[in-house]
Amino acid sequence: MSQVDYVAMSDEKLKQYLLEHHEDEAAFQAYSDRPRKRSSRIIAKVGDPDFDTKIEAAIRQKLQGAEG
């Protein structure tokens, strides 16, 4: 059996893989760990003079990542 690269899979592909391979405990672990591994970095603080610009840039970056 070949090694599956769960990290390279999108959330949706990993979910589909998991639905098709119920017995794959490593896939389940990778899927359940994803929310905890997502970045929780602070983009801007209230009162930041560039607040709107930073938020818009972060949204654009997130959307571009979702498209690719």
C-alpha atoms as a PDB file:
ATOM      1  CA  MET A   1       0.000   0.000   0.000  1.00  0.00           C
ATOM      2  CA  SER A   2       1.386   3.401  -0.945  1.00  0.00           C
ATOM      3  CA  GLN A   3       1.774   6.235   1.536  1.00  0.00           C
ATOM      4  CA  VAL A   4      -0.958   8.890   1.363  1.00  0.00           C
ATOM      5  CA  ASP A   5       0.048  12.548   1.742  1.00  0.00           C
ATOM      6  CA  TYR A   6      -2.761  13.974   3.899  1.00  0.00           C
ATOM      7  CA  VAL A   7      -1.030  17.352   4.222  1.00  0.00           C
ATOM      8  CA  ALA A   8      -1.162  17.919   0.463  1.00  0.00           C
ATOM      9  CA  MET A   9      -4.913  17.185   0.352  1.00  0.00           C
ATOM     10  CA  SER A  10      -7.443  19.983   0.606  1.00  0.00           C
ATOM     11  CA  ASP A  11      -9.936  19.742   3.455  1.00  0.00           C
ATOM     12  CA  GLU A  12     -12.609  18.600   1.013  1.00  0.00           C
ATOM     13  CA  LYS A  13     -10.420  15.920  -0.603  1.00  0.00           C
ATOM     14  CA  LEU A  14      -9.296  14.616   2.776  1.00  0.00           C
ATOM     15  CA  LYS A  15     -12.916  14.470   3.936  1.00  0.00           C
ATOM     16  CA  GLN A  16     -13.879  12.520   0.800  1.00  0.00           C
ATOM     17  CA  TYR A  17     -10.907  10.183   1.269  1.00  0.00           C
ATOM     18  CA  LEU A  18     -11.911   9.592   4.874  1.00  0.00           C
ATOM     19  CA  LEU A  19     -15.484   8.777   3.866  1.00  0.00           C
ATOM     20  CA  GLU A  20     -14.152   6.170   1.428  1.00  0.00           C
ATOM     21  CA  HIS A  21     -11.507   4.766   3.812  1.00  0.00           C
ATOM     22  CA  HIS A  22     -13.206   4.524   7.212  1.00  0.00           C
ATOM     23  CA  GLU A  23     -10.474   2.265   8.565  1.00  0.00           C
ATOM     24  CA  ASP A  24      -7.632   4.733   7.927  1.00  0.00           C
ATOM     25  CA  GLU A  25      -6.937   6.025  11.423  1.00  0.00           C
ATOM     26  CA  ALA A  26      -4.095   8.262  10.228  1.00  0.00           C
ATOM     27  CA  ALA A  27      -6.492  10.017   7.834  1.00  0.00           C
ATOM     28  CA  PHE A  28      -8.974  10.542  10.640  1.00  0.00           C
ATOM     29  CA  GLN A  29      -6.246  11.962  12.871  1.00  0.00           C
ATOM     30  CA  ALA A  30      -5.024  14.293  10.101  1.00  0.00           C
ATOM     31  CA  TYR A  31      -8.569  15.510   9.456  1.00  0.00           C
ATOM     32  CA  SER A  32      -9.378  16.075  13.119  1.00  0.00           C
ATOM     33  CA  ASP A  33      -6.084  17.923  13.707  1.00  0.00           C
ATOM     34  CA  ARG A  34      -6.620  20.474  10.938  1.00  0.00           C
ATOM     35  CA  PRO A  35      -8.699  23.047  12.841  1.00  0.00           C
ATOM     36  CA  ARG A  36      -6.101  23.155  15.624  1.00  0.00           C
ATOM     37  CA  LYS A  37      -3.238  23.645  13.179  1.00  0.00           C
ATOM     38  CA  ARG A  38      -4.814  26.565  11.347  1.00  0.00           C
ATOM     39  CA  SER A  39      -3.206  29.906  11.936  1.00  0.00           C
ATOM     40  CA  SER A  40      -4.726  32.117  14.576  1.00  0.00           C
ATOM     41  CA  ARG A  41      -2.375  35.006  13.994  1.00  0.00           C
ATOM     42  CA  ILE A  42      -3.509  38.534  14.779  1.00  0.00           C
ATOM     43  CA  ILE A  43      -3.989  40.522  11.577  1.00  0.00           C
ATOM     44  CA  ALA A  44      -4.757  43.915  13.121  1.00  0.00           C
ATOM     45  CA  LYS A  45      -5.780  45.339  16.452  1.00  0.00           C
ATOM     46  CA  VAL A  46      -8.684  47.672  17.124  1.00  0.00           C
ATOM     47  CA  GLY A  47      -7.472  51.237  16.854  1.00  0.00           C
ATOM     48  CA  ASP A  48      -4.814  50.356  14.266  1.00  0.00           C
ATOM     49  CA  PRO A  49      -4.828  53.192  11.688  1.00  0.00           C
ATOM     50  CA  ASP A  50      -4.444  50.606   8.886  1.00  0.00           C
ATOM     51  CA  PHE A  51      -7.098  48.266  10.282  1.00  0.00           C
ATOM     52  CA  ASP A  52      -9.338  48.234   7.183  1.00  0.00           C
ATOM     53  CA  THR A  53      -6.412  47.843   4.793  1.00  0.00           C
ATOM     54  CA  LYS A  54      -4.944  44.932   6.752  1.00  0.00           C
ATOM     55  CA  ILE A  55      -8.300  43.138   7.015  1.00  0.00           C
ATOM     56  CA  GLU A  56      -8.997  43.571   3.295  1.00  0.00           C
ATOM     57  CA  ALA A  57      -5.518  42.279   2.424  1.00  0.00           C
ATOM     58  CA  ALA A  58      -6.010  39.225   4.655  1.00  0.00           C
ATOM     59  CA  ILE A  59      -9.379  38.482   3.037  1.00  0.00           C
ATOM     60  CA  ARG A  60      -7.879  38.814  -0.460  1.00  0.00           C
ATOM     61  CA  GLN A  61      -5.023  36.495   0.504  1.00  0.00           C
ATOM     62  CA  LYS A  62      -7.433  33.923   1.924  1.00  0.00           C
ATOM     63  CA  LEU A  63      -9.604  34.033  -1.204  1.00  0.00           C
ATOM     64  CA  GLN A  64      -6.583  33.629  -3.476  1.00  0.00           C
ATOM     65  CA  GLY A  65      -5.481  30.616  -1.450  1.00  0.00           C
ATOM     66  CA  ALA A  66      -8.933  29.061  -1.789  1.00  0.00           C
ATOM     67  CA  GLU A  67      -8.858  29.494  -5.566  1.00  0.00           C
ATOM     68  CA  GLY A  68      -5.453  27.864  -5.979  1.00  0.00           C
END
